[in-house]
C-alpha atoms as a PDB file:
ATOM      1  CA  UNK A   1     -11.117  21.686  -6.134  1.00  0.00           C
ATOM      2  CA  UNK A   2      -9.398  18.372  -6.806  1.00  0.00           C
ATOM      3  CA  UNK A   3      -9.381  15.703  -4.134  1.00  0.00           C
ATOM      4  CA  UNK A   4      -6.123  15.541  -2.210  1.00  0.00           C
ATOM      5  CA  UNK A   5      -4.495  12.127  -2.295  1.00  0.00           C
ATOM      6  CA  UNK A   6      -4.499  10.507   1.148  1.00  0.00           C
ATOM      7  CA  UNK A   7      -1.400   9.966   3.244  1.00  0.00           C
ATOM      8  CA  UNK A   8      -0.766   6.338   4.185  1.00  0.00           C
ATOM      9  CA  UNK A   9       1.425   4.786   6.883  1.00  0.00           C
ATOM     10  CA  UNK A  10       2.994   1.461   5.929  1.00  0.00           C
ATOM     11  CA  UNK A  11       4.441  -0.710   8.690  1.00  0.00           C
ATOM     12  CA  UNK A  12       7.160  -3.241   7.944  1.00  0.00           C
ATOM     13  CA  UNK A  13       9.406  -5.367  10.153  1.00  0.00           C
ATOM     14  CA  UNK A  14      12.751  -7.132   9.820  1.00  0.00           C
ATOM     15  CA  UNK A  15      15.030  -9.067  12.122  1.00  0.00           C
ATOM     16  CA  UNK A  16      18.144  -7.098  11.149  1.00  0.00           C
ATOM     17  CA  UNK A  17      17.904  -3.399  12.111  1.00  0.00           C
ATOM     18  CA  UNK A  18      20.674  -2.301   9.727  1.00  0.00           C
ATOM     19  CA  UNK A  19      19.107  -4.140   6.818  1.00  0.00           C
ATOM     20  CA  UNK A  20      15.783  -2.473   7.605  1.00  0.00           C
ATOM     21  CA  UNK A  21      17.451   0.954   7.800  1.00  0.00           C
ATOM     22  CA  UNK A  22      19.038   0.305   4.397  1.00  0.00           C
ATOM     23  CA  UNK A  23      15.664  -0.653   2.900  1.00  0.00           C
ATOM     24  CA  UNK A  24      14.064   2.491   4.349  1.00  0.00           C
ATOM     25  CA  UNK A  25      16.903   4.624   2.980  1.00  0.00           C
ATOM     26  CA  UNK A  26      16.392   3.129  -0.498  1.00  0.00           C
ATOM     27  CA  UNK A  27      12.643   3.773  -0.274  1.00  0.00           C
ATOM     28  CA  UNK A  28      13.271   7.433   0.646  1.00  0.00           C
ATOM     29  CA  UNK A  29      15.851   7.837  -2.136  1.00  0.00           C
ATOM     30  CA  UNK A  30      13.402   6.378  -4.656  1.00  0.00           C
ATOM     31  CA  UNK A  31      10.701   8.789  -3.400  1.00  0.00           C
ATOM     32  CA  UNK A  32       8.395   5.880  -2.621  1.00  0.00           C
ATOM     33  CA  UNK A  33       8.254   7.200   0.953  1.00  0.00           C
ATOM     34  CA  UNK A  34       8.860  10.647   2.424  1.00  0.00           C
ATOM     35  CA  UNK A  35      10.078   9.359   5.781  1.00  0.00           C
ATOM     36  CA  UNK A  36      10.584   6.174   7.739  1.00  0.00           C
ATOM     37  CA  UNK A  37      10.553   5.938  11.533  1.00  0.00           C
ATOM     38  CA  UNK A  38      12.636   2.993  12.753  1.00  0.00           C
ATOM     39  CA  UNK A  39      11.732   1.471  16.111  1.00  0.00           C
ATOM     40  CA  UNK A  40      14.124  -1.216  17.421  1.00  0.00           C
ATOM     41  CA  UNK A  41      13.321  -3.884  19.983  1.00  0.00           C
ATOM     42  CA  UNK A  42       9.844  -4.941  18.866  1.00  0.00           C
ATOM     43  CA  UNK A  43       8.836  -8.372  20.088  1.00  0.00           C
ATOM     44  CA  UNK A  44       6.776 -10.334  17.566  1.00  0.00           C
ATOM     45  CA  UNK A  45       4.885 -13.476  18.525  1.00  0.00           C
ATOM     46  CA  UNK A  46       3.311 -15.306  15.614  1.00  0.00           C
ATOM     47  CA  UNK A  47       2.617 -18.717  14.133  1.00  0.00           C
ATOM     48  CA  UNK A  48       4.826 -19.939  11.278  1.00  0.00           C
ATOM     49  CA  UNK A  49       5.080 -23.447   9.823  1.00  0.00           C
ATOM     50  CA  UNK A  50       2.888 -24.833  12.602  1.00  0.00           C
ATOM     51  CA  UNK A  51       4.978 -23.475  15.478  1.00  0.00           C
ATOM     52  CA  UNK A  52       4.726 -20.390  17.660  1.00  0.00           C
ATOM     53  CA  UNK A  53       7.628 -18.013  17.015  1.00  0.00           C
ATOM     54  CA  UNK A  54       8.834 -15.354  19.476  1.00  0.00           C
ATOM     55  CA  UNK A  55      11.326 -13.019  17.797  1.00  0.00           C
ATOM     56  CA  UNK A  56      12.978  -9.669  18.327  1.00  0.00           C
ATOM     57  CA  UNK A  57      12.449  -7.463  15.301  1.00  0.00           C
ATOM     58  CA  UNK A  58      12.743  -3.861  14.237  1.00  0.00           C
ATOM     59  CA  UNK A  59       9.644  -1.992  13.082  1.00  0.00           C
ATOM     60  CA  UNK A  60       9.607   0.757  10.479  1.00  0.00           C
ATOM     61  CA  UNK A  61       6.648   3.036   9.902  1.00  0.00           C
ATOM     62  CA  UNK A  62       6.793   4.554   6.426  1.00  0.00           C
ATOM     63  CA  UNK A  63       4.923   7.738   5.486  1.00  0.00           C
ATOM     64  CA  UNK A  64       3.772   7.925   1.875  1.00  0.00           C
ATOM     65  CA  UNK A  65       0.885   8.660  -0.473  1.00  0.00           C
ATOM     66  CA  UNK A  66      -1.759   6.077  -1.409  1.00  0.00           C
ATOM     67  CA  UNK A  67      -0.561   5.725  -5.008  1.00  0.00           C
ATOM     68  CA  UNK A  68       2.929   4.627  -3.865  1.00  0.00           C
ATOM     69  CA  UNK A  69       1.794   1.606  -1.810  1.00  0.00           C
ATOM     70  CA  UNK A  70       1.945  -0.834  -4.751  1.00  0.00           C
ATOM     71  CA  UNK A  71       5.481   0.397  -5.537  1.00  0.00           C
ATOM     72  CA  UNK A  72       6.504  -0.237  -1.922  1.00  0.00           C
ATOM     73  CA  UNK A  73       5.021  -3.753  -1.943  1.00  0.00           C
ATOM     74  CA  UNK A  74       6.853  -4.627  -5.185  1.00  0.00           C
ATOM     75  CA  UNK A  75      10.117  -3.194  -3.828  1.00  0.00           C
ATOM     76  CA  UNK A  76       9.833  -5.237  -0.623  1.00  0.00           C
ATOM     77  CA  UNK A  77       8.904  -8.438  -2.477  1.00  0.00           C
ATOM     78  CA  UNK A  78      12.177  -8.068  -4.354  1.00  0.00           C
ATOM     79  CA  UNK A  79      14.488  -6.797  -1.578  1.00  0.00           C
ATOM     80  CA  UNK A  80      13.149  -7.985   1.797  1.00  0.00           C
ATOM     81  CA  UNK A  81      14.799 -11.190   3.089  1.00  0.00           C
ATOM     82  CA  UNK A  82      11.610 -12.682   4.586  1.00  0.00           C
ATOM     83  CA  UNK A  83       9.552 -15.104   2.516  1.00  0.00           C
ATOM     84  CA  UNK A  84       6.387 -13.253   3.581  1.00  0.00           C
ATOM     85  CA  UNK A  85       7.352  -9.783   4.816  1.00  0.00           C
ATOM     86  CA  UNK A  86       4.932  -7.836   6.979  1.00  0.00           C
ATOM     87  CA  UNK A  87       3.570  -4.966   4.902  1.00  0.00           C
ATOM     88  CA  UNK A  88       0.472  -3.254   6.325  1.00  0.00           C
ATOM     89  CA  UNK A  89      -0.826   0.004   4.859  1.00  0.00           C
ATOM     90  CA  UNK A  90      -3.187   2.199   6.878  1.00  0.00           C
ATOM     91  CA  UNK A  91      -4.742   5.352   5.481  1.00  0.00           C
ATOM     92  CA  UNK A  92      -4.458   8.368   7.780  1.00  0.00           C
ATOM     93  CA  UNK A  93      -7.789   9.650   9.047  1.00  0.00           C
ATOM     94  CA  UNK A  94      -6.325  13.109   9.592  1.00  0.00           C
ATOM     95  CA  UNK A  95      -2.945  14.773   9.198  1.00  0.00           C
ATOM     96  CA  UNK A  96      -1.504  18.190   9.885  1.00  0.00           C
ATOM     97  CA  UNK A  97      -1.981  20.044   6.564  1.00  0.00           C
ATOM     98  CA  UNK A  98       1.678  21.056   6.395  1.00  0.00           C
ATOM     99  CA  UNK A  99       2.881  17.516   7.067  1.00  0.00           C
ATOM    100  CA  UNK A 100       0.465  16.099   4.491  1.00  0.00           C
ATOM    101  CA  UNK A 101       1.756  18.566   1.894  1.00  0.00           C
ATOM    102  CA  UNK A 102       5.360  17.650   2.761  1.00  0.00           C
ATOM    103  CA  UNK A 103       4.653  13.903   2.385  1.00  0.00           C
ATOM    104  CA  UNK A 104       2.894  14.437  -0.939  1.00  0.00           C
ATOM    105  CA  UNK A 105       5.686  16.701  -2.227  1.00  0.00           C
ATOM    106  CA  UNK A 106       8.402  14.206  -1.291  1.00  0.00           C
ATOM    107  CA  UNK A 107       6.670  11.191  -2.831  1.00  0.00           C
ATOM    108  CA  UNK A 108       5.868  12.681  -6.219  1.00  0.00           C
ATOM    109  CA  UNK A 109       7.260  10.782  -9.180  1.00  0.00           C
ATOM    110  CA  UNK A 110      10.235  12.612 -10.683  1.00  0.00           C
END
């Protein structure tokens, strides 16, 4: 039996919720991700250019397969407005078999 490719969650943020929704929509249309959950009202505190920043952002959690992560990173480097966008990929330890199959089906290259 062949190994099943792992499902990965990729988290990204943006200051503009509509821009983030548009990026997620493009990622779904391109089949880079099967689904994106958009969570508004995230507060991000971080250091940038020597100063502490405290910003309201929107978080998206993208559900994909491991082999699509590089595609997602390239897409965001081109389309995301931030100089250094947050892109963090985490491999799922366990998924519901039906959900895993759905993610893999909807992220296959066409």
